Amino acid sequence: MASNSESSVSSRPAGWTPGQVALLAAVCLVLGLVGGYFLPVGKAANSARPVAVASAPKAPHPIPTMEQMKALADSNAAPLLEKLKATPNDSALLTQLASIYSANHQFKEATQYFGRSLRIDPKNIPNRVALASCLYYSGDVDGALAQLDQALKYDPKDVNSLFDVGVMRWKGKNDAAGAIAAWQELLKVHPDLDRRPIVERMIAEARAGAAAKN
């Protein structure tokens, strides 16, 4: 399930939203795609290199708790909330706040700010797709799909909306047929899609899963 979130992942493919990276990560547990898609290919990956002496492994960074992430989001949002008091209908400011909370997995707060922003700027498709992701991770799959349907009314060819409809129908609604239909439409209207190999493999996996149930 696009936003101008401040938590961009440098390794994600161009054009992918943080929500889609997270959605795709879940799907990749089934498909086994992560390694093959994100590992570098070409001369740099295949060239011989000197073997370096292994250094002592660094201690992994501790995973923050949800309370810590909420505190960080609140801290980062505080200056923007002060500005919002003077300009409560600033769509860009509301989007920034939503992105801060979404990046820290505070989806309830993110949903509220994305919703407020969309009431001001309802045709902002990236924000609507981002709201759909927040709703999905909050457990409201139907609400998420409704937002994507609305986005597709504004732009029936929107890449992110069509991609996320497929993922959410497949993983959230167990609707392989609906997922396949969305992805086929995506490939139809965007024949040169950069993520085409992943979409094709997801279609094949959805078909295989549906066939196994019949």
Protein backbone atom coordinates (compact mmCIF):
# COMPACT_ATOMS: atom_id res chain seq x y z
CA MET A 1 0.00 0.00 0.00
CA ALA A 2 2.95 7.16 -1.56
CA SER A 3 3.79 9.97 0.73
CA ASN A 4 6.59 12.41 1.24
CA SER A 5 7.56 10.61 4.40
CA GLU A 6 10.77 11.69 6.04
CA SER A 7 11.75 8.06 6.64
CA SER A 8 12.73 7.20 3.09
CA VAL A 9 14.61 3.93 2.70
CA SER A 10 17.65 4.50 0.55
CA SER A 11 17.67 0.96 -0.80
CA ARG A 12 14.10 0.83 -2.00
CA PRO A 13 13.39 1.03 -5.74
CA ALA A 14 12.63 4.48 -7.11
CA GLY A 15 8.98 5.40 -6.89
CA TRP A 16 8.13 3.05 -4.05
CA THR A 17 6.52 4.38 -0.92
CA PRO A 18 7.53 3.33 2.61
CA GLY A 19 4.13 1.67 2.97
CA GLN A 20 4.66 -0.32 -0.18
CA VAL A 21 8.10 -1.44 0.94
CA ALA A 22 6.55 -2.76 4.14
CA LEU A 23 3.69 -4.40 2.25
CA LEU A 24 6.07 -5.97 -0.20
CA ALA A 25 8.33 -7.20 2.59
CA ALA A 26 5.41 -9.21 3.96
CA VAL A 27 4.67 -10.62 0.53
CA CYS A 28 8.34 -11.45 0.00
CA LEU A 29 8.24 -13.78 2.98
CA VAL A 30 6.07 -15.93 0.75
CA LEU A 31 7.77 -15.29 -2.56
CA GLY A 32 11.40 -15.20 -1.47
CA LEU A 33 11.97 -12.09 -3.56
CA VAL A 34 13.92 -9.78 -1.30
CA GLY A 35 17.36 -11.17 -1.87
CA GLY A 36 17.01 -11.53 -5.61
CA TYR A 37 15.50 -8.10 -6.14
CA PHE A 38 17.59 -5.90 -3.91
CA LEU A 39 21.00 -7.51 -4.20
CA PRO A 40 23.27 -5.63 -6.63
CA VAL A 41 23.89 -7.20 -10.02
CA GLY A 42 26.35 -6.57 -12.78
CA LYS A 43 30.10 -6.11 -12.89
CA ALA A 44 30.39 -4.72 -9.38
CA ALA A 45 28.67 -7.76 -7.92
CA ASN A 46 30.64 -10.31 -9.93
CA SER A 47 34.14 -8.83 -9.91
CA ALA A 48 36.82 -10.46 -7.80
CA ARG A 49 37.80 -8.52 -4.73
CA PRO A 50 40.52 -9.01 -2.13
CA VAL A 51 39.32 -10.80 0.96
CA ALA A 52 39.42 -8.37 3.85
CA VAL A 53 40.23 -9.44 7.36
CA ALA A 54 36.98 -9.80 9.20
CA SER A 55 36.49 -7.33 12.00
CA ALA A 56 34.55 -7.95 15.16
CA PRO A 57 30.82 -7.77 14.44
CA LYS A 58 29.14 -4.63 15.59
CA ALA A 59 26.41 -4.92 18.15
CA PRO A 60 23.03 -4.53 16.47
CA HIS A 61 21.07 -1.42 17.23
CA PRO A 62 18.32 -2.23 19.71
CA ILE A 63 14.86 -2.23 18.23
CA PRO A 64 12.89 0.66 19.73
CA THR A 65 9.68 -0.10 21.54
CA MET A 66 6.38 1.31 20.38
CA GLU A 67 6.47 3.69 23.34
CA GLN A 68 9.87 4.95 22.27
CA MET A 69 8.71 5.39 18.68
CA LYS A 70 5.65 7.28 19.87
CA ALA A 71 7.83 9.55 21.99
CA LEU A 72 10.14 10.20 19.04
CA ALA A 73 7.21 10.98 16.76
CA ASP A 74 5.71 13.36 19.33
CA SER A 75 9.06 15.10 19.75
CA ASN A 76 9.57 15.56 16.01
CA ALA A 77 5.98 16.66 15.53
CA ALA A 78 5.97 19.25 18.33
CA PRO A 79 7.40 22.18 16.29
CA LEU A 80 5.00 21.47 13.45
CA LEU A 81 2.05 21.30 15.80
CA GLU A 82 2.94 24.78 17.02
CA LYS A 83 2.89 26.03 13.43
CA LEU A 84 -0.38 24.24 12.81
CA LYS A 85 -2.09 26.32 15.50
CA ALA A 86 -1.60 29.40 13.32
CA THR A 87 -2.46 27.64 10.01
CA PRO A 88 -4.77 24.72 10.80
CA ASN A 89 -5.68 24.23 7.15
CA ASP A 90 -2.13 23.94 5.87
CA SER A 91 -2.30 20.74 3.83
CA ALA A 92 1.47 20.46 3.45
CA LEU A 93 1.99 20.82 7.19
CA LEU A 94 -0.64 18.19 7.91
CA THR A 95 1.08 15.87 5.45
CA GLN A 96 4.42 16.37 7.23
CA LEU A 97 2.84 15.48 10.55
CA ALA A 98 1.16 12.43 9.07
CA SER A 99 4.47 11.29 7.58
CA ILE A 100 6.28 11.65 10.89
CA TYR A 101 3.75 9.48 12.69
CA SER A 102 3.55 6.95 9.86
CA ALA A 103 7.34 6.60 9.79
CA ASN A 104 7.25 5.73 13.49
CA HIS A 105 4.41 3.23 13.11
CA GLN A 106 1.90 5.46 14.88
CA PHE A 107 -0.78 4.75 12.33
CA LYS A 108 -3.74 6.08 14.29
CA GLU A 109 -2.23 9.56 14.48
CA ALA A 110 -0.98 9.35 10.89
CA THR A 111 -4.47 8.44 9.71
CA GLN A 112 -5.91 11.49 11.41
CA TYR A 113 -3.46 13.92 9.81
CA PHE A 114 -3.64 12.34 6.36
CA GLY A 115 -7.42 12.51 6.63
CA ARG A 116 -7.37 16.18 7.55
CA SER A 117 -5.01 16.92 4.68
CA LEU A 118 -7.25 15.11 2.21
CA ARG A 119 -10.30 17.06 3.32
CA ILE A 120 -8.41 20.14 2.15
CA ASP A 121 -6.82 18.56 -0.92
CA PRO A 122 -8.94 15.51 -1.82
CA LYS A 123 -7.23 14.86 -5.16
CA ASN A 124 -3.80 14.35 -3.60
CA ILE A 125 -3.31 10.75 -4.68
CA PRO A 126 0.02 10.11 -2.89
CA ASN A 127 -1.56 11.16 0.40
CA ARG A 128 -4.60 8.97 -0.26
CA VAL A 129 -2.36 5.97 -0.96
CA ALA A 130 -0.41 6.72 2.22
CA LEU A 131 -3.66 6.91 4.18
CA ALA A 132 -4.65 3.54 2.74
CA SER A 133 -1.40 2.04 4.02
CA CYS A 134 -2.00 3.43 7.50
CA LEU A 135 -5.53 2.06 7.57
CA TYR A 136 -4.30 -1.33 6.37
CA TYR A 137 -1.70 -1.58 9.12
CA SER A 138 -4.33 -0.46 11.62
CA GLY A 139 -6.42 -3.49 10.61
CA ASP A 140 -9.01 -1.64 8.53
CA VAL A 141 -8.54 -3.43 5.22
CA ASP A 142 -11.92 -2.38 3.84
CA GLY A 143 -11.21 1.25 4.69
CA ALA A 144 -7.82 1.01 3.02
CA LEU A 145 -9.30 -0.43 -0.17
CA ALA A 146 -11.96 2.27 -0.18
CA GLN A 147 -9.24 4.92 -0.18
CA LEU A 148 -7.45 3.22 -3.06
CA ASP A 149 -10.69 2.95 -5.01
CA GLN A 150 -11.16 6.69 -4.54
CA ALA A 151 -7.60 7.34 -5.71
CA LEU A 152 -8.27 5.30 -8.85
CA LYS A 153 -11.35 7.39 -9.58
CA TYR A 154 -9.07 10.40 -9.79
CA ASP A 155 -6.42 8.52 -11.77
CA PRO A 156 -7.36 5.02 -13.03
CA LYS A 157 -3.75 4.40 -14.09
CA ASP A 158 -2.03 5.31 -10.83
CA VAL A 159 0.78 2.81 -10.35
CA ASN A 160 0.86 2.79 -6.56
CA SER A 161 -2.88 2.49 -6.17
CA LEU A 162 -3.15 -0.47 -8.54
CA PHE A 163 -0.17 -2.20 -6.98
CA ASP A 164 -1.47 -1.75 -3.44
CA VAL A 165 -5.00 -2.88 -4.34
CA GLY A 166 -3.47 -6.15 -5.47
CA VAL A 167 -1.40 -6.62 -2.33
CA MET A 168 -4.25 -5.73 0.02
CA ARG A 169 -6.78 -7.90 -1.77
CA TRP A 170 -4.38 -10.83 -1.78
CA LYS A 171 -2.98 -10.59 1.73
CA GLY A 172 -5.75 -8.69 3.48
CA LYS A 173 -8.89 -10.18 1.90
CA ASN A 174 -7.61 -13.52 0.63
CA ASP A 175 -8.99 -12.45 -2.75
CA ALA A 176 -6.53 -13.84 -5.28
CA ALA A 177 -8.82 -13.11 -8.24
CA GLY A 178 -9.20 -9.47 -7.23
CA ALA A 179 -5.47 -9.12 -6.69
CA ILE A 180 -4.64 -10.65 -10.06
CA ALA A 181 -7.13 -8.39 -11.80
CA ALA A 182 -5.56 -5.29 -10.26
CA TRP A 183 -2.02 -6.36 -11.15
CA GLN A 184 -2.99 -7.32 -14.69
CA GLU A 185 -4.52 -3.89 -15.15
CA LEU A 186 -1.33 -2.37 -13.78
CA LEU A 187 0.79 -4.23 -16.33
CA LYS A 188 -1.66 -3.40 -19.10
CA VAL A 189 -1.59 0.36 -18.57
CA HIS A 190 2.13 0.41 -17.69
CA PRO A 191 3.79 -2.16 -19.99
CA ASP A 192 7.26 -0.78 -19.19
CA LEU A 193 6.79 -0.88 -15.42
CA ASP A 194 10.13 -1.13 -13.63
CA ARG A 195 8.73 -3.53 -11.04
CA ARG A 196 7.15 -5.78 -13.68
CA PRO A 197 9.15 -8.93 -12.75
CA ILE A 198 7.92 -8.69 -9.16
CA VAL A 199 4.32 -8.11 -10.21
CA GLU A 200 4.43 -11.04 -12.62
CA ARG A 201 5.81 -13.30 -9.93
CA MET A 202 3.16 -12.18 -7.47
CA ILE A 203 0.48 -12.94 -10.05
CA ALA A 204 1.92 -16.42 -10.52
CA GLU A 205 2.05 -17.01 -6.76
CA ALA A 206 -1.52 -15.79 -6.28
CA ARG A 207 -2.70 -18.11 -9.05
CA ALA A 208 -0.83 -21.04 -7.54
CA GLY A 209 -2.30 -20.35 -4.12
CA ALA A 210 -5.82 -20.12 -5.49
CA ALA A 211 -5.40 -23.33 -7.47
CA ALA A 212 -4.15 -25.18 -4.39
CA LYS A 213 -7.34 -24.28 -2.53
CA ASN A 214 -9.60 -25.61 -5.29
